[in-house]
Structures are given as C-alpha cells and as structure tokens.
Protein backbone atom coordinates (compact mmCIF):
# COMPACT_ATOMS: atom_id res chain seq x y z
CA MET A 1 114.05 43.62 23.02
CA ALA A 2 114.91 41.40 20.00
CA VAL A 3 112.12 40.25 17.77
CA THR A 4 111.59 36.61 17.14
CA THR A 5 109.66 34.27 15.13
CA ASN A 6 108.53 30.29 15.98
CA THR A 7 110.28 28.42 12.96
CA LEU A 8 109.19 25.33 11.88
CA THR A 9 110.57 22.79 9.73
CA GLU A 10 109.22 20.88 6.55
CA ASN A 11 107.90 18.68 8.56
CA GLY A 12 105.92 21.10 11.10
CA THR A 13 108.30 20.36 14.38
CA PRO A 14 109.93 23.13 15.96
CA LEU A 15 113.46 23.76 15.94
CA PRO A 16 115.77 23.26 18.94
CA GLY A 17 116.22 25.53 21.24
CA GLY A 18 112.63 26.07 21.66
CA GLY A 19 111.73 26.88 18.06
CA ALA A 20 112.86 30.89 18.62
CA ARG A 21 115.47 32.21 16.32
CA ALA A 22 116.35 35.95 15.55
CA THR A 23 114.72 37.44 12.88
CA ALA A 24 117.75 38.93 11.78
CA ARG A 25 119.94 36.74 10.17
CA PRO A 26 123.45 38.24 8.84
CA ASP A 27 123.81 35.85 6.10
CA HIS A 28 120.36 35.95 4.67
CA ALA A 29 120.96 38.73 1.90
CA ILE A 30 123.93 36.56 0.65
CA ARG A 31 121.53 33.25 0.76
CA SER A 32 118.94 34.71 -0.65
CA ARG A 33 121.33 36.17 -4.06
CA LEU A 34 123.68 32.53 -4.40
CA THR A 35 120.06 30.51 -3.77
CA ALA A 36 118.43 32.15 -6.46
CA LEU A 37 121.45 31.88 -8.67
CA ASN A 38 121.22 28.08 -7.95
CA ALA A 39 117.18 27.74 -8.38
CA PHE A 40 118.08 29.71 -12.22
CA LEU A 41 120.76 26.79 -12.61
CA LEU A 42 118.63 23.99 -11.81
CA SER A 43 115.58 25.65 -13.76
CA GLY A 44 118.16 25.73 -16.75
CA LEU A 45 119.28 22.06 -16.33
CA THR A 46 115.86 21.32 -16.38
CA LEU A 47 115.01 22.88 -19.45
CA TRP A 48 118.04 21.95 -20.91
CA LEU A 49 117.63 18.17 -20.38
CA GLY A 50 113.83 18.57 -21.16
CA LEU A 51 114.33 19.19 -24.01
CA VAL A 52 117.35 16.74 -25.11
CA THR A 53 114.46 14.12 -24.17
CA LEU A 54 111.96 15.72 -26.44
CA ASN A 55 114.63 15.68 -29.34
CA ASN A 56 115.43 12.04 -28.85
CA VAL A 57 111.34 11.55 -28.94
CA ASP A 58 110.69 13.52 -32.05
CA ASP A 59 114.01 12.70 -33.78
CA PHE A 60 113.90 8.79 -32.61
CA GLY A 61 115.17 8.06 -35.72
CA THR A 62 118.49 10.36 -36.31
CA ASN A 63 119.26 9.24 -32.08
CA LYS A 64 118.58 5.40 -32.96
CA ALA A 65 121.17 5.76 -35.97
CA LEU A 66 123.71 7.28 -33.53
CA ILE A 67 123.17 4.51 -30.98
CA THR A 68 123.12 1.61 -33.73
CA SER A 69 126.60 2.95 -34.89
CA MET A 70 128.00 3.03 -31.60
CA ILE A 71 127.14 -0.43 -30.40
CA THR A 72 127.56 -2.16 -33.78
CA MET A 73 131.03 -0.20 -33.85
CA GLY A 74 131.00 -0.27 -37.97
CA ASP A 75 133.24 2.80 -38.24
CA LEU A 76 135.55 0.64 -36.50
CA LYS A 77 135.14 -2.25 -38.56
CA ASP A 78 135.11 -0.26 -41.69
CA ASP A 79 138.79 1.12 -40.61
CA PRO A 80 141.45 -1.37 -41.08
CA VAL A 81 143.72 -0.04 -38.59
CA ARG A 82 141.87 1.69 -35.20
CA GLY A 83 139.97 -0.17 -33.20
CA ASN A 84 140.93 -3.57 -34.18
CA GLY A 85 141.50 -5.07 -30.71
CA LEU A 86 137.55 -3.79 -29.64
CA GLU A 87 135.64 -4.76 -32.39
CA TRP A 88 134.63 -8.26 -30.37
CA ARG A 89 132.62 -5.54 -28.07
CA ALA A 90 129.90 -4.84 -30.77
CA LEU A 91 126.13 -5.46 -30.09
CA PRO A 92 123.72 -6.57 -32.86
CA GLU A 93 121.43 -3.41 -34.72
CA ALA A 94 118.41 -4.67 -32.70
CA MET A 95 119.77 -3.54 -29.65
CA ALA A 96 119.68 -0.05 -30.45
CA THR A 97 116.18 0.36 -30.09
CA PRO A 98 116.06 -0.93 -26.31
CA ALA A 99 118.76 1.28 -25.43
CA LEU A 100 117.40 4.36 -26.62
CA LEU A 101 114.00 3.97 -24.81
CA GLY A 102 115.84 3.52 -21.97
CA VAL A 103 118.03 6.56 -22.04
CA ILE A 104 114.52 8.20 -22.97
CA VAL A 105 113.30 6.92 -19.48
CA TYR A 106 116.17 7.68 -17.92
CA GLU A 107 116.01 10.86 -19.00
CA VAL A 108 112.63 11.67 -17.86
CA LEU A 109 113.21 10.64 -14.87
CA ALA A 110 116.34 13.12 -14.31
CA VAL A 111 114.20 16.00 -15.68
CA ALA A 112 111.61 15.27 -12.67
CA LEU A 113 114.39 15.22 -10.09
CA LEU A 114 115.72 18.43 -11.41
CA ALA A 115 112.02 20.12 -11.71
CA TRP A 116 111.55 18.59 -8.54
CA ALA A 117 114.73 20.41 -6.90
CA ALA A 118 114.55 23.08 -8.80
CA THR A 119 110.62 23.96 -6.91
CA SER A 120 112.54 23.41 -3.99
CA MET A 121 115.57 25.91 -4.36
CA TRP A 122 112.83 28.72 -5.78
CA ARG A 123 110.81 28.27 -2.44
CA ARG A 124 113.78 28.52 -0.43
CA ALA A 125 114.84 31.79 -2.68
CA ARG A 126 111.92 33.21 -1.61
CA GLY A 127 112.32 32.56 2.23
CA GLU A 128 109.12 29.53 2.05
CA THR A 129 111.84 26.85 3.80
CA VAL A 130 115.07 26.56 5.30
CA SER A 131 114.96 22.79 5.37
CA ILE A 132 118.44 21.16 4.57
CA ASN A 133 115.68 18.89 2.90
CA THR A 134 116.25 21.76 -0.28
CA THR A 135 119.69 20.98 -0.45
CA GLN A 136 119.49 17.15 -0.14
CA ARG A 137 116.99 17.24 -3.35
CA ALA A 138 119.18 19.23 -5.36
CA ASN A 139 122.30 16.39 -4.90
CA TYR A 140 119.74 13.75 -5.79
CA ALA A 141 118.86 15.65 -8.88
CA LEU A 142 122.55 16.66 -9.70
CA ALA A 143 123.26 12.92 -8.90
CA GLY A 144 121.05 11.76 -11.81
CA PHE A 145 122.06 14.41 -14.27
CA MET A 146 125.48 13.66 -13.74
CA GLY A 147 124.72 9.65 -14.07
CA LEU A 148 123.09 10.31 -17.09
CA PHE A 149 126.98 11.48 -18.64
CA PHE A 150 128.50 8.82 -17.10
CA VAL A 151 126.70 6.48 -18.56
CA PHE A 152 127.14 7.98 -21.96
CA LEU A 153 131.08 8.20 -21.27
CA CYS A 154 131.50 4.94 -19.91
CA GLY A 155 129.75 3.20 -22.80
CA GLY A 156 130.93 5.12 -25.32
CA MET A 157 134.57 4.49 -24.40
CA PHE A 158 133.59 0.42 -24.02
CA TYR A 159 132.56 0.87 -27.77
CA GLY A 160 135.44 2.89 -28.50
CA TYR A 161 133.31 6.15 -29.67
CA TRP A 162 136.44 8.44 -29.06
CA ILE A 163 138.20 7.12 -31.88
CA TYR A 164 135.59 8.30 -34.21
CA ILE A 165 133.00 10.61 -32.45
CA GLY A 166 135.08 12.81 -30.48
CA ALA A 167 132.59 15.84 -30.85
CA ALA A 168 129.70 13.50 -28.92
CA GLN A 169 132.58 13.04 -26.42
CA GLN A 170 133.22 16.74 -25.82
CA VAL A 171 129.52 17.03 -25.09
CA HIS A 172 129.19 14.25 -22.81
CA PHE A 173 132.22 16.01 -20.71
CA THR A 174 130.61 19.06 -20.81
CA GLY A 175 127.56 17.85 -19.32
CA LEU A 176 129.44 16.21 -16.55
CA MET A 177 131.58 19.47 -15.55
CA ILE A 178 128.14 21.56 -15.73
CA GLY A 179 126.75 18.89 -13.14
CA LEU A 180 129.65 18.87 -11.01
CA LEU A 181 130.23 22.68 -10.92
CA THR A 182 125.83 22.91 -10.25
CA THR A 183 126.92 20.52 -7.43
CA VAL A 184 129.52 22.83 -5.66
CA LEU A 185 127.61 26.01 -5.60
CA VAL A 186 124.61 23.95 -4.39
CA ASN A 187 126.52 22.76 -1.33
CA LEU A 188 128.19 26.20 -0.51
CA PRO A 189 127.38 26.68 3.25
CA SER A 190 126.42 30.08 2.42
CA VAL A 191 123.76 28.53 0.45
CA THR A 192 123.11 25.75 2.55
CA GLY A 193 122.91 27.65 5.85
CA ALA A 194 124.06 23.80 7.21
CA GLN A 195 124.93 25.01 10.63
CA LYS A 196 122.05 26.38 11.41
CA GLU A 197 119.43 24.41 9.56
CA HIS A 198 117.99 21.06 10.71
C-alpha cells in the first residue's frame, strides 16, 4: 500500500485530486539540487546589487559625477568629431542628483524583490513549500533586476555613452545577461515542477 500525505498549497487549500500525493517523487532529487542552485544565485544577486546600492549611497559624489558626465554629454561636446548630432539631447547638470536618487530608490526596491524571491527559493529547496508562486516571485524579482540594466543601456544609448564609456556599457550588458540566464534556470520544468504544482 502506497504511503500518501495530504499536501496543501501556500493558501491552505488542498491540491486537486483529493489532496493526496504519493510520498515518493521521481523528480525530487533533481529539483532539490537545481532549486538550491537557483536559491544560491538569487542570494548572490541580492548581495551584489545590495553592495552596488550601498556604494551608490556611500560614494554619492563619484556616481553623481559619472551621471553628470553622461547627461550633460561633456565628453562629446569636447570632441570635435564624434557625437555632434547627439549633443542636443544633453540635460543640465542639476538633473544629475535627482537621476541618481531615482536609481538608488529603484535599486532598493529591486534588492527587496530579490531577497523575497531568494527566501522563497530556499524554502522550496528545503521542501517547506511546493507552490508555483515561488517561481512567480523569482520572475518578478529578476524582471526588476533586468529592468535596471535595460534603463542603463537605453539611457546610455540615448546620451551616446557607448562612444566614450564602453566599459560601463559592458558591465550593463553583463548584468542583463546574468539576469536572463538566471531566469532560464529558474523556469526549467525540473525546477518549477509546473506540471505538478498549482
């Protein structure tokens, strides 16, 4: 006789089929390993972006100078050849402070979402929850993470920063790629168990 256990969703409602599920699940070992990896990745992204945010606060002057250089397009204005057709897009230096404050607020929210998702993923890795909501939380957090780099890349393209700050553009592309790869891992069927979870 098979041993079964009643399983409830996170909302406290029983799963379809009478709420009974066989104890032994063939994908459990694979899911445990991959889910733990995803929890580790989400925790790492939380820590990394948290440090970025802290650096933006602690070293406000340096970051303000970088944003000032970008939005005023000073380097392009000093160049007699490159970017002459883009210089009309320049903003006054006074806009640098509110722009940086906006970035910091966005980063704080993104860090909070990542921490929320990482906590949920660790709970799943320990078998404390099987809800598909864990994957949804991770997707929300990663969307916020990637959105930050989309803003940087699009804003930087608008102000022509790729012409003279190529290293910054590479960092932003790298952050976007890391977010995309993590999203793929989080949504693997062997991780989500979407065919079994509700």
